[in-house]
Amino acid sequence: MEESKTGGQYTCNEYREEMILLGLQRQLAATDLSPERKEGLLKEIARIETLMGLD
Protein backbone atom coordinates (compact mmCIF):
# COMPACT_ATOMS: atom_id res chain seq x y z
CA MET A 1 0.00 0.00 0.00
CA GLU A 2 1.25 3.49 -0.85
CA GLU A 3 1.92 6.15 1.77
CA SER A 4 0.27 9.54 1.50
CA LYS A 5 1.90 12.94 1.92
CA THR A 6 0.78 12.86 5.56
CA GLY A 7 2.63 9.60 6.22
CA GLY A 8 -0.50 7.44 6.51
CA GLN A 9 -2.17 5.26 3.93
CA TYR A 10 -2.85 6.65 0.48
CA THR A 11 -6.59 7.30 0.47
CA CYS A 12 -9.28 7.22 -2.19
CA ASN A 13 -9.80 10.95 -1.70
CA GLU A 14 -6.14 11.67 -2.41
CA TYR A 15 -6.32 9.54 -5.55
CA ARG A 16 -9.48 11.37 -6.60
CA GLU A 17 -7.82 14.77 -6.10
CA GLU A 18 -4.86 13.66 -8.23
CA MET A 19 -7.12 12.46 -11.03
CA ILE A 20 -9.13 15.70 -10.98
CA LEU A 21 -5.89 17.70 -11.13
CA LEU A 22 -4.62 15.64 -14.06
CA GLY A 23 -7.89 16.09 -15.91
CA LEU A 24 -7.79 19.85 -15.44
CA GLN A 25 -4.18 19.97 -16.62
CA ARG A 26 -5.13 18.00 -19.75
CA GLN A 27 -7.97 20.42 -20.46
CA LEU A 28 -5.54 23.32 -20.03
CA ALA A 29 -3.28 21.83 -22.71
CA ALA A 30 -6.03 22.23 -25.34
CA THR A 31 -5.16 24.78 -28.02
CA ASP A 32 -8.67 26.12 -28.56
CA LEU A 33 -9.38 27.46 -25.05
CA SER A 34 -11.02 30.81 -24.57
CA PRO A 35 -9.18 33.19 -22.22
CA GLU A 36 -12.06 32.90 -19.73
CA ARG A 37 -11.94 29.09 -19.70
CA LYS A 38 -8.16 29.11 -19.36
CA GLU A 39 -8.38 31.48 -16.39
CA GLY A 40 -11.04 29.28 -14.76
CA LEU A 41 -8.93 26.17 -15.21
CA LEU A 42 -5.87 27.87 -13.74
CA LYS A 43 -7.86 29.00 -10.70
CA GLU A 44 -9.28 25.51 -10.15
CA ILE A 45 -5.84 23.92 -10.56
CA ALA A 46 -4.41 26.34 -7.98
CA ARG A 47 -7.27 25.56 -5.58
CA ILE A 48 -6.76 21.82 -5.84
CA GLU A 49 -2.99 22.12 -5.51
CA THR A 50 -3.50 24.13 -2.32
CA LEU A 51 -5.94 21.52 -1.05
CA MET A 52 -3.37 18.82 -1.74
CA GLY A 53 -0.55 20.81 -0.12
CA LEU A 54 1.39 21.21 -3.37
CA ASP A 55 1.71 24.98 -3.38
PDB file of N, CA and C in Angstrom:
ATOM      1  N   MET A   1       0.848  -1.181   0.000  1.00  0.00           N
ATOM      2  CA  MET A   1       0.000   0.000   0.000  1.00  0.00           C
ATOM      3  C   MET A   1       0.895   1.247   0.000  1.00  0.00           C
ATOM      4  N   GLU A   2       0.514   2.233  -0.755  1.00  0.00           N
ATOM      5  CA  GLU A   2       1.255   3.486  -0.850  1.00  0.00           C
ATOM      6  C   GLU A   2       1.073   4.337   0.404  1.00  0.00           C
ATOM      7  N   GLU A   3       2.056   5.195   0.680  1.00  0.00           N
ATOM      8  CA  GLU A   3       1.915   6.147   1.775  1.00  0.00           C
ATOM      9  C   GLU A   3       1.543   7.504   1.207  1.00  0.00           C
ATOM     10  N   SER A   4       0.707   8.214   1.947  1.00  0.00           N
ATOM     11  CA  SER A   4       0.274   9.539   1.503  1.00  0.00           C
ATOM     12  C   SER A   4       1.284  10.590   1.947  1.00  0.00           C
ATOM     13  N   LYS A   5       1.028  11.823   1.545  1.00  0.00           N
ATOM     14  CA  LYS A   5       1.900  12.937   1.925  1.00  0.00           C
ATOM     15  C   LYS A   5       1.890  13.189   3.420  1.00  0.00           C
ATOM     16  N   THR A   6       0.869  12.685   4.121  1.00  0.00           N
ATOM     17  CA  THR A   6       0.780  12.861   5.561  1.00  0.00           C
ATOM     18  C   THR A   6       1.423  11.708   6.312  1.00  0.00           C
ATOM     19  N   GLY A   7       1.956  10.721   5.605  1.00  0.00           N
ATOM     20  CA  GLY A   7       2.629   9.602   6.222  1.00  0.00           C
ATOM     21  C   GLY A   7       1.732   8.409   6.471  1.00  0.00           C
ATOM     22  N   GLY A   8       0.430   8.544   6.309  1.00  0.00           N
ATOM     23  CA  GLY A   8      -0.503   7.440   6.506  1.00  0.00           C
ATOM     24  C   GLY A   8      -0.739   6.701   5.207  1.00  0.00           C
ATOM     25  N   GLN A   9      -1.831   5.966   5.154  1.00  0.00           N
ATOM     26  CA  GLN A   9      -2.172   5.260   3.934  1.00  0.00           C
ATOM     27  C   GLN A   9      -2.651   6.238   2.867  1.00  0.00           C
ATOM     28  N   TYR A  10      -2.401   5.884   1.641  1.00  0.00           N
ATOM     29  CA  TYR A  10      -2.846   6.647   0.476  1.00  0.00           C
ATOM     30  C   TYR A  10      -4.342   6.409   0.316  1.00  0.00           C
ATOM     31  N   THR A  11      -5.139   7.463   0.428  1.00  0.00           N
ATOM     32  CA  THR A  11      -6.586   7.300   0.470  1.00  0.00           C
ATOM     33  C   THR A  11      -7.242   7.478  -0.900  1.00  0.00           C
ATOM     34  N   CYS A  12      -8.491   7.050  -0.967  1.00  0.00           N
ATOM     35  CA  CYS A  12      -9.282   7.220  -2.186  1.00  0.00           C
ATOM     36  C   CYS A  12      -9.462   8.708  -2.497  1.00  0.00           C
ATOM     37  N   ASN A  13      -9.633   9.518  -1.475  1.00  0.00           N
ATOM     38  CA  ASN A  13      -9.804  10.955  -1.695  1.00  0.00           C
ATOM     39  C   ASN A  13      -8.552  11.585  -2.288  1.00  0.00           C
ATOM     40  N   GLU A  14      -7.380  11.156  -1.836  1.00  0.00           N
ATOM     41  CA  GLU A  14      -6.140  11.673  -2.405  1.00  0.00           C
ATOM     42  C   GLU A  14      -5.999  11.251  -3.877  1.00  0.00           C
ATOM     43  N   TYR A  15      -6.355  10.023  -4.165  1.00  0.00           N
ATOM     44  CA  TYR A  15      -6.322   9.537  -5.548  1.00  0.00           C
ATOM     45  C   TYR A  15      -7.284  10.360  -6.412  1.00  0.00           C
ATOM     46  N   ARG A  16      -8.469  10.595  -5.878  1.00  0.00           N
ATOM     47  CA  ARG A  16      -9.483  11.371  -6.604  1.00  0.00           C
ATOM     48  C   ARG A  16      -8.979  12.779  -6.897  1.00  0.00           C
ATOM     49  N   GLU A  17      -8.366  13.423  -5.903  1.00  0.00           N
ATOM     50  CA  GLU A  17      -7.821  14.769  -6.101  1.00  0.00           C
ATOM     51  C   GLU A  17      -6.764  14.769  -7.199  1.00  0.00           C
ATOM     52  N   GLU A  18      -5.901  13.752  -7.193  1.00  0.00           N
ATOM     53  CA  GLU A  18      -4.864  13.661  -8.225  1.00  0.00           C
ATOM     54  C   GLU A  18      -5.467  13.507  -9.617  1.00  0.00           C
ATOM     55  N   MET A  19      -6.491  12.686  -9.727  1.00  0.00           N
ATOM     56  CA  MET A  19      -7.125  12.456 -11.028  1.00  0.00           C
ATOM     57  C   MET A  19      -7.851  13.712 -11.514  1.00  0.00           C
ATOM     58  N   ILE A  20      -8.482  14.431 -10.610  1.00  0.00           N
ATOM     59  CA  ILE A  20      -9.128  15.702 -10.980  1.00  0.00           C
ATOM     60  C   ILE A  20      -8.077  16.684 -11.470  1.00  0.00           C
ATOM     61  N   LEU A  21      -6.973  16.782 -10.751  1.00  0.00           N
ATOM     62  CA  LEU A  21      -5.893  17.695 -11.130  1.00  0.00           C
ATOM     63  C   LEU A  21      -5.339  17.330 -12.505  1.00  0.00           C
ATOM     64  N   LEU A  22      -5.124  16.056 -12.750  1.00  0.00           N
ATOM     65  CA  LEU A  22      -4.618  15.639 -14.057  1.00  0.00           C
ATOM     66  C   LEU A  22      -5.600  15.967 -15.170  1.00  0.00           C
ATOM     67  N   GLY A  23      -6.878  15.758 -14.912  1.00  0.00           N
ATOM     68  CA  GLY A  23      -7.893  16.086 -15.912  1.00  0.00           C
ATOM     69  C   GLY A  23      -7.919  17.566 -16.238  1.00  0.00           C
ATOM     70  N   LEU A  24      -7.808  18.395 -15.217  1.00  0.00           N
ATOM     71  CA  LEU A  24      -7.790  19.845 -15.438  1.00  0.00           C
ATOM     72  C   LEU A  24      -6.547  20.259 -16.223  1.00  0.00           C
ATOM     73  N   GLN A  25      -5.413  19.649 -15.903  1.00  0.00           N
ATOM     74  CA  GLN A  25      -4.178  19.970 -16.620  1.00  0.00           C
ATOM     75  C   GLN A  25      -4.271  19.538 -18.085  1.00  0.00           C
ATOM     76  N   ARG A  26      -4.936  18.436 -18.350  1.00  0.00           N
ATOM     77  CA  ARG A  26      -5.126  17.998 -19.745  1.00  0.00           C
ATOM     78  C   ARG A  26      -6.024  18.970 -20.493  1.00  0.00           C
ATOM     79  N   GLN A  27      -7.088  19.441 -19.828  1.00  0.00           N
ATOM     80  CA  GLN A  27      -7.971  20.423 -20.456  1.00  0.00           C
ATOM     81  C   GLN A  27      -7.204  21.702 -20.757  1.00  0.00           C
ATOM     82  N   LEU A  28      -6.322  22.096 -19.855  1.00  0.00           N
ATOM     83  CA  LEU A  28      -5.539  23.318 -20.029  1.00  0.00           C
ATOM     84  C   LEU A  28      -4.606  23.221 -21.237  1.00  0.00           C
ATOM     85  N   ALA A  29      -4.196  22.026 -21.582  1.00  0.00           N
ATOM     86  CA  ALA A  29      -3.285  21.833 -22.714  1.00  0.00           C
ATOM     87  C   ALA A  29      -3.976  21.999 -24.064  1.00  0.00           C
ATOM     88  N   ALA A  30      -5.302  22.069 -24.083  1.00  0.00           N
ATOM     89  CA  ALA A  30      -6.033  22.234 -25.342  1.00  0.00           C
ATOM     90  C   ALA A  30      -5.675  23.570 -25.986  1.00  0.00           C
ATOM     91  N   THR A  31      -5.575  23.567 -27.303  1.00  0.00           N
ATOM     92  CA  THR A  31      -5.161  24.778 -28.017  1.00  0.00           C
ATOM     93  C   THR A  31      -6.310  25.743 -28.290  1.00  0.00           C
ATOM     94  N   ASP A  32      -7.532  25.281 -28.186  1.00  0.00           N
ATOM     95  CA  ASP A  32      -8.670  26.124 -28.556  1.00  0.00           C
ATOM     96  C   ASP A  32      -9.433  26.688 -27.354  1.00  0.00           C
ATOM     97  N   LEU A  33      -8.737  26.929 -26.251  1.00  0.00           N
ATOM     98  CA  LEU A  33      -9.383  27.456 -25.051  1.00  0.00           C
ATOM     99  C   LEU A  33      -9.626  28.952 -25.156  1.00  0.00           C
ATOM    100  N   SER A  34     -10.773  29.375 -24.668  1.00  0.00           N
ATOM    101  CA  SER A  34     -11.023  30.809 -24.567  1.00  0.00           C
ATOM    102  C   SER A  34     -10.236  31.333 -23.369  1.00  0.00           C
ATOM    103  N   PRO A  35      -9.909  32.618 -23.368  1.00  0.00           N
ATOM    104  CA  PRO A  35      -9.184  33.187 -22.220  1.00  0.00           C
ATOM    105  C   PRO A  35      -9.938  33.000 -20.902  1.00  0.00           C
ATOM    106  N   GLU A  36     -11.266  33.070 -20.947  1.00  0.00           N
ATOM    107  CA  GLU A  36     -12.059  32.904 -19.725  1.00  0.00           C
ATOM    108  C   GLU A  36     -11.952  31.472 -19.198  1.00  0.00           C
ATOM    109  N   ARG A  37     -12.040  30.497 -20.106  1.00  0.00           N
ATOM    110  CA  ARG A  37     -11.944  29.094 -19.705  1.00  0.00           C
ATOM    111  C   ARG A  37     -10.555  28.787 -19.166  1.00  0.00           C
ATOM    112  N   LYS A  38      -9.526  29.320 -19.814  1.00  0.00           N
ATOM    113  CA  LYS A  38      -8.157  29.108 -19.363  1.00  0.00           C
ATOM    114  C   LYS A  38      -7.964  29.679 -17.952  1.00  0.00           C
ATOM    115  N   GLU A  39      -8.484  30.862 -17.709  1.00  0.00           N
ATOM    116  CA  GLU A  39      -8.378  31.478 -16.388  1.00  0.00           C
ATOM    117  C   GLU A  39      -9.100  30.629 -15.337  1.00  0.00           C
ATOM    118  N   GLY A  40     -10.288  30.134 -15.685  1.00  0.00           N
ATOM    119  CA  GLY A  40     -11.042  29.284 -14.764  1.00  0.00           C
ATOM    120  C   GLY A  40     -10.298  28.004 -14.428  1.00  0.00           C
ATOM    121  N   LEU A  41      -9.699  27.390 -15.444  1.00  0.00           N
ATOM    122  CA  LEU A  41      -8.928  26.174 -15.210  1.00  0.00           C
ATOM    123  C   LEU A  41      -7.725  26.434 -14.314  1.00  0.00           C
ATOM    124  N   LEU A  42      -7.031  27.540 -14.561  1.00  0.00           N
ATOM    125  CA  LEU A  42      -5.865  27.872 -13.740  1.00  0.00           C
ATOM    126  C   LEU A  42      -6.260  28.101 -12.283  1.00  0.00           C
ATOM    127  N   LYS A  43      -7.390  28.758 -12.068  1.00  0.00           N
ATOM    128  CA  LYS A  43      -7.859  28.996 -10.696  1.00  0.00           C
ATOM    129  C   LYS A  43      -8.222  27.680 -10.009  1.00  0.00           C
ATOM    130  N   GLU A  44      -8.888  26.793 -10.729  1.00  0.00           N
ATOM    131  CA  GLU A  44      -9.281  25.507 -10.152  1.00  0.00           C
ATOM    132  C   GLU A  44      -8.061  24.636  -9.879  1.00  0.00           C
ATOM    133  N   ILE A  45      -7.077  24.663 -10.772  1.00  0.00           N
ATOM    134  CA  ILE A  45      -5.836  23.917 -10.555  1.00  0.00           C
ATOM    135  C   ILE A  45      -5.132  24.439  -9.307  1.00  0.00           C
ATOM    136  N   ALA A  46      -5.047  25.746  -9.156  1.00  0.00           N
ATOM    137  CA  ALA A  46      -4.408  26.335  -7.983  1.00  0.00           C
ATOM    138  C   ALA A  46      -5.147  25.947  -6.708  1.00  0.00           C
ATOM    139  N   ARG A  47      -6.480  25.926  -6.761  1.00  0.00           N
ATOM    140  CA  ARG A  47      -7.272  25.562  -5.582  1.00  0.00           C
ATOM    141  C   ARG A  47      -7.008  24.116  -5.167  1.00  0.00           C
ATOM    142  N   ILE A  48      -6.980  23.227  -6.144  1.00  0.00           N
ATOM    143  CA  ILE A  48      -6.758  21.816  -5.835  1.00  0.00           C
ATOM    144  C   ILE A  48      -5.327  21.581  -5.354  1.00  0.00           C
ATOM    145  N   GLU A  49      -4.369  22.260  -5.961  1.00  0.00           N
ATOM    146  CA  GLU A  49      -2.990  22.124  -5.512  1.00  0.00           C
ATOM    147  C   GLU A  49      -2.834  22.590  -4.063  1.00  0.00           C
ATOM    148  N   THR A  50      -3.526  23.652  -3.710  1.00  0.00           N
ATOM    149  CA  THR A  50      -3.503  24.133  -2.319  1.00  0.00           C
ATOM    150  C   THR A  50      -4.132  23.101  -1.403  1.00  0.00           C
ATOM    151  N   LEU A  51      -5.247  22.558  -1.816  1.00  0.00           N
ATOM    152  CA  LEU A  51      -5.945  21.519  -1.045  1.00  0.00           C
ATOM    153  C   LEU A  51      -5.042  20.309  -0.819  1.00  0.00           C
ATOM    154  N   MET A  52      -4.257  19.983  -1.823  1.00  0.00           N
ATOM    155  CA  MET A  52      -3.367  18.817  -1.744  1.00  0.00           C
ATOM    156  C   MET A  52      -2.050  19.145  -1.049  1.00  0.00           C
ATOM    157  N   GLY A  53      -1.802  20.419  -0.773  1.00  0.00           N
ATOM    158  CA  GLY A  53      -0.548  20.811  -0.120  1.00  0.00           C
ATOM    159  C   GLY A  53       0.618  20.889  -1.080  1.00  0.00           C
ATOM    160  N   LEU A  54       0.336  21.158  -2.362  1.00  0.00           N
ATOM    161  CA  LEU A  54       1.391  21.209  -3.373  1.00  0.00           C
ATOM    162  C   LEU A  54       1.894  22.616  -3.653  1.00  0.00           C
ATOM    163  N   ASP A  55       1.291  23.608  -3.075  1.00  0.00           N
ATOM    164  CA  ASP A  55       1.713  24.983  -3.377  1.00  0.00           C
ATOM    165  C   ASP A  55       2.888  25.420  -2.560  1.00  0.00           C
TER     166      ASP A  55
END
